[in-house]
Amino acid sequence: MKELTMFYFRGCPFCERALKWHEEIFQEHPEYKQVPLKMIDEKKEPAIAAEYDYYYVPTYYIGKGKLHEGVKEKELIEECFRRAYNC
């Protein structure tokens, strides 16, 4: 299992939707709650955000490897958790 990093910012409607999907994903797959999730608010921690290559939030990484950028479907975020869990 590896740490999943999520870049977001407070007030972003897409980030809020993703966080709601996190809860749904945890209900459907309780084991994914074990995945360490590091949430970085890009507006509060711009120096850290500048170290990563992305344009849209939310964006998910394992290490420096980008898994998903932006929100389109819950299944894409679920895949991020699955990959982090199975590493």
N, C-alpha and C. Protein backbone atom coordinates (compact mmCIF):
# COMPACT_ATOMS: atom_id res chain seq x y z
N MET A 1 0.85 -1.18 0.00
CA MET A 1 0.00 0.00 0.00
C MET A 1 0.89 1.23 0.00
N LYS A 2 0.49 2.21 -0.81
CA LYS A 2 1.25 3.46 -0.90
C LYS A 2 0.34 4.63 -0.55
N GLU A 3 0.99 5.74 -0.19
CA GLU A 3 0.25 6.96 0.12
C GLU A 3 -0.30 7.57 -1.16
N LEU A 4 -1.55 8.01 -1.08
CA LEU A 4 -2.21 8.72 -2.17
C LEU A 4 -2.21 10.20 -1.81
N THR A 5 -1.73 11.03 -2.73
CA THR A 5 -1.71 12.47 -2.51
C THR A 5 -2.79 13.11 -3.37
N MET A 6 -3.57 13.98 -2.75
CA MET A 6 -4.64 14.69 -3.47
C MET A 6 -4.37 16.18 -3.37
N PHE A 7 -4.31 16.85 -4.50
CA PHE A 7 -4.23 18.31 -4.53
C PHE A 7 -5.63 18.85 -4.75
N TYR A 8 -5.99 19.86 -3.98
CA TYR A 8 -7.32 20.46 -4.02
C TYR A 8 -7.22 21.89 -3.54
N PHE A 9 -8.33 22.60 -3.56
CA PHE A 9 -8.41 23.84 -2.82
C PHE A 9 -9.83 24.04 -2.32
N ARG A 10 -9.91 24.65 -1.17
CA ARG A 10 -11.18 24.89 -0.49
C ARG A 10 -12.07 25.77 -1.36
N GLY A 11 -13.32 25.38 -1.49
CA GLY A 11 -14.28 26.13 -2.28
C GLY A 11 -14.40 25.65 -3.71
N CYS A 12 -13.54 24.76 -4.14
CA CYS A 12 -13.60 24.20 -5.49
C CYS A 12 -14.76 23.20 -5.55
N PRO A 13 -15.76 23.43 -6.41
CA PRO A 13 -16.90 22.51 -6.47
C PRO A 13 -16.52 21.11 -6.94
N PHE A 14 -15.51 21.01 -7.79
CA PHE A 14 -15.07 19.70 -8.26
C PHE A 14 -14.38 18.92 -7.15
N CYS A 15 -13.64 19.63 -6.31
CA CYS A 15 -12.97 19.00 -5.17
C CYS A 15 -14.01 18.53 -4.16
N GLU A 16 -15.02 19.34 -3.93
CA GLU A 16 -16.08 18.96 -3.00
C GLU A 16 -16.81 17.72 -3.49
N ARG A 17 -17.05 17.64 -4.79
CA ARG A 17 -17.69 16.45 -5.36
C ARG A 17 -16.79 15.23 -5.15
N ALA A 18 -15.50 15.40 -5.39
CA ALA A 18 -14.55 14.29 -5.21
C ALA A 18 -14.55 13.82 -3.76
N LEU A 19 -14.59 14.74 -2.81
CA LEU A 19 -14.60 14.35 -1.39
C LEU A 19 -15.86 13.58 -1.04
N LYS A 20 -16.99 13.95 -1.63
CA LYS A 20 -18.23 13.18 -1.42
C LYS A 20 -18.08 11.78 -2.00
N TRP A 21 -17.43 11.70 -3.16
CA TRP A 21 -17.20 10.39 -3.75
C TRP A 21 -16.26 9.56 -2.89
N HIS A 22 -15.30 10.19 -2.22
CA HIS A 22 -14.42 9.44 -1.31
C HIS A 22 -15.29 8.69 -0.31
N GLU A 23 -16.25 9.39 0.30
CA GLU A 23 -17.11 8.75 1.31
C GLU A 23 -17.89 7.58 0.71
N GLU A 24 -18.43 7.76 -0.49
CA GLU A 24 -19.15 6.67 -1.15
C GLU A 24 -18.21 5.50 -1.44
N ILE A 25 -17.02 5.79 -1.90
CA ILE A 25 -16.04 4.74 -2.20
C ILE A 25 -15.68 3.99 -0.93
N PHE A 26 -15.51 4.70 0.19
CA PHE A 26 -15.18 4.04 1.45
C PHE A 26 -16.32 3.16 1.93
N GLN A 27 -17.55 3.54 1.67
CA GLN A 27 -18.69 2.70 2.04
C GLN A 27 -18.72 1.44 1.20
N GLU A 28 -18.41 1.58 -0.08
CA GLU A 28 -18.43 0.43 -1.00
C GLU A 28 -17.20 -0.46 -0.84
N HIS A 29 -16.07 0.13 -0.47
CA HIS A 29 -14.80 -0.58 -0.31
C HIS A 29 -14.14 -0.13 1.00
N PRO A 30 -14.60 -0.64 2.13
CA PRO A 30 -14.06 -0.19 3.43
C PRO A 30 -12.54 -0.34 3.54
N GLU A 31 -11.96 -1.27 2.81
CA GLU A 31 -10.52 -1.47 2.87
C GLU A 31 -9.75 -0.25 2.37
N TYR A 32 -10.35 0.57 1.52
CA TYR A 32 -9.66 1.74 0.98
C TYR A 32 -9.49 2.84 2.03
N LYS A 33 -10.19 2.75 3.15
CA LYS A 33 -9.99 3.70 4.24
C LYS A 33 -8.58 3.58 4.81
N GLN A 34 -7.95 2.43 4.60
CA GLN A 34 -6.60 2.19 5.09
C GLN A 34 -5.54 2.93 4.28
N VAL A 35 -5.89 3.34 3.06
CA VAL A 35 -4.93 4.03 2.20
C VAL A 35 -4.57 5.37 2.82
N PRO A 36 -3.29 5.61 3.08
CA PRO A 36 -2.90 6.92 3.61
C PRO A 36 -3.20 7.99 2.55
N LEU A 37 -3.97 8.99 2.93
CA LEU A 37 -4.37 10.05 2.01
C LEU A 37 -3.79 11.37 2.50
N LYS A 38 -2.89 11.92 1.72
CA LYS A 38 -2.29 13.22 2.04
C LYS A 38 -2.99 14.26 1.17
N MET A 39 -3.70 15.17 1.83
CA MET A 39 -4.44 16.20 1.11
C MET A 39 -3.68 17.51 1.19
N ILE A 40 -3.38 18.08 0.04
CA ILE A 40 -2.60 19.31 -0.02
C ILE A 40 -3.46 20.40 -0.67
N ASP A 41 -3.74 21.42 0.12
CA ASP A 41 -4.47 22.58 -0.39
C ASP A 41 -3.47 23.44 -1.15
N GLU A 42 -3.61 23.49 -2.46
CA GLU A 42 -2.61 24.18 -3.28
C GLU A 42 -2.52 25.67 -3.00
N LYS A 43 -3.57 26.26 -2.46
CA LYS A 43 -3.52 27.69 -2.15
C LYS A 43 -2.80 27.95 -0.84
N LYS A 44 -2.83 26.98 0.08
CA LYS A 44 -2.15 27.14 1.36
C LYS A 44 -0.71 26.63 1.31
N GLU A 45 -0.43 25.73 0.36
CA GLU A 45 0.90 25.15 0.26
C GLU A 45 1.40 25.24 -1.19
N PRO A 46 1.52 26.46 -1.72
CA PRO A 46 1.89 26.61 -3.14
C PRO A 46 3.29 26.08 -3.46
N ALA A 47 4.20 26.10 -2.50
CA ALA A 47 5.56 25.61 -2.77
C ALA A 47 5.54 24.11 -3.05
N ILE A 48 4.73 23.38 -2.30
CA ILE A 48 4.61 21.93 -2.54
C ILE A 48 3.90 21.70 -3.87
N ALA A 49 2.82 22.42 -4.12
CA ALA A 49 2.06 22.26 -5.36
C ALA A 49 2.94 22.53 -6.58
N ALA A 50 3.87 23.48 -6.46
CA ALA A 50 4.74 23.84 -7.58
C ALA A 50 5.70 22.71 -7.95
N GLU A 51 5.89 21.76 -7.06
CA GLU A 51 6.78 20.63 -7.33
C GLU A 51 6.13 19.57 -8.22
N TYR A 52 4.83 19.69 -8.47
CA TYR A 52 4.07 18.70 -9.23
C TYR A 52 3.56 19.33 -10.52
N ASP A 53 3.37 18.49 -11.52
CA ASP A 53 2.93 18.95 -12.83
C ASP A 53 1.44 18.65 -13.01
N TYR A 54 0.60 19.64 -12.75
CA TYR A 54 -0.83 19.50 -12.97
C TYR A 54 -1.43 20.88 -13.19
N TYR A 55 -2.64 20.90 -13.74
CA TYR A 55 -3.32 22.16 -14.01
C TYR A 55 -4.66 22.25 -13.28
N TYR A 56 -5.39 21.12 -13.26
CA TYR A 56 -6.72 21.08 -12.66
C TYR A 56 -6.70 20.36 -11.32
N VAL A 57 -7.62 20.75 -10.45
CA VAL A 57 -7.84 20.02 -9.20
C VAL A 57 -9.24 19.44 -9.24
N PRO A 58 -9.46 18.37 -8.53
CA PRO A 58 -8.49 17.61 -7.76
C PRO A 58 -7.58 16.78 -8.67
N THR A 59 -6.38 16.58 -8.19
CA THR A 59 -5.41 15.73 -8.88
C THR A 59 -4.84 14.75 -7.87
N TYR A 60 -4.66 13.52 -8.31
CA TYR A 60 -4.18 12.44 -7.43
C TYR A 60 -2.84 11.91 -7.93
N TYR A 61 -1.95 11.64 -6.97
CA TYR A 61 -0.62 11.10 -7.25
C TYR A 61 -0.32 9.96 -6.29
N ILE A 62 0.52 9.06 -6.76
CA ILE A 62 1.26 8.14 -5.90
C ILE A 62 2.71 8.53 -6.13
N GLY A 63 3.36 9.01 -5.09
CA GLY A 63 4.70 9.56 -5.26
C GLY A 63 4.62 10.74 -6.21
N LYS A 64 5.46 10.75 -7.24
CA LYS A 64 5.42 11.81 -8.26
C LYS A 64 4.66 11.36 -9.50
N GLY A 65 4.07 10.16 -9.45
CA GLY A 65 3.32 9.64 -10.59
C GLY A 65 1.87 10.08 -10.55
N LYS A 66 1.46 10.86 -11.54
CA LYS A 66 0.08 11.35 -11.60
C LYS A 66 -0.85 10.21 -12.01
N LEU A 67 -1.93 10.04 -11.22
CA LEU A 67 -2.92 9.03 -11.52
C LEU A 67 -4.14 9.60 -12.23
N HIS A 68 -4.55 10.79 -11.79
CA HIS A 68 -5.79 11.37 -12.33
C HIS A 68 -5.81 12.87 -12.07
N GLU A 69 -6.27 13.62 -13.06
CA GLU A 69 -6.36 15.07 -12.94
C GLU A 69 -7.76 15.52 -13.30
N GLY A 70 -8.37 16.32 -12.43
CA GLY A 70 -9.74 16.79 -12.66
C GLY A 70 -10.75 15.73 -12.27
N VAL A 71 -12.01 16.11 -12.23
CA VAL A 71 -13.06 15.16 -11.83
C VAL A 71 -13.99 14.95 -13.01
N LYS A 72 -14.17 13.71 -13.34
CA LYS A 72 -15.12 13.36 -14.39
C LYS A 72 -16.09 12.31 -13.89
N GLU A 73 -15.54 11.27 -13.28
CA GLU A 73 -16.36 10.15 -12.83
C GLU A 73 -15.83 9.61 -11.51
N LYS A 74 -16.73 9.15 -10.70
CA LYS A 74 -16.37 8.54 -9.42
C LYS A 74 -15.45 7.34 -9.64
N GLU A 75 -15.68 6.59 -10.70
CA GLU A 75 -14.90 5.38 -10.96
C GLU A 75 -13.42 5.69 -11.17
N LEU A 76 -13.10 6.86 -11.70
CA LEU A 76 -11.70 7.23 -11.89
C LEU A 76 -11.00 7.48 -10.55
N ILE A 77 -11.73 8.07 -9.62
CA ILE A 77 -11.16 8.28 -8.28
C ILE A 77 -11.05 6.95 -7.55
N GLU A 78 -12.05 6.11 -7.71
CA GLU A 78 -12.01 4.77 -7.10
C GLU A 78 -10.78 4.02 -7.60
N GLU A 79 -10.45 4.16 -8.86
CA GLU A 79 -9.26 3.51 -9.43
C GLU A 79 -7.99 4.02 -8.76
N CYS A 80 -7.94 5.30 -8.40
CA CYS A 80 -6.78 5.84 -7.69
C CYS A 80 -6.59 5.14 -6.35
N PHE A 81 -7.69 4.98 -5.62
CA PHE A 81 -7.62 4.30 -4.33
C PHE A 81 -7.24 2.83 -4.52
N ARG A 82 -7.79 2.18 -5.54
CA ARG A 82 -7.47 0.78 -5.79
C ARG A 82 -5.98 0.61 -6.07
N ARG A 83 -5.43 1.50 -6.90
CA ARG A 83 -4.01 1.40 -7.24
C ARG A 83 -3.14 1.65 -6.01
N ALA A 84 -3.48 2.64 -5.20
CA ALA A 84 -2.69 2.91 -3.99
C ALA A 84 -2.77 1.73 -3.03
N TYR A 85 -3.95 1.17 -2.90
CA TYR A 85 -4.17 0.03 -1.98
C TYR A 85 -3.37 -1.19 -2.42
N ASN A 86 -3.29 -1.42 -3.72
CA ASN A 86 -2.64 -2.63 -4.24
C ASN A 86 -1.15 -2.47 -4.49
N CYS A 87 -0.58 -1.30 -4.23
CA CYS A 87 0.87 -1.12 -4.41
C CYS A 87 1.64 -1.78 -3.28
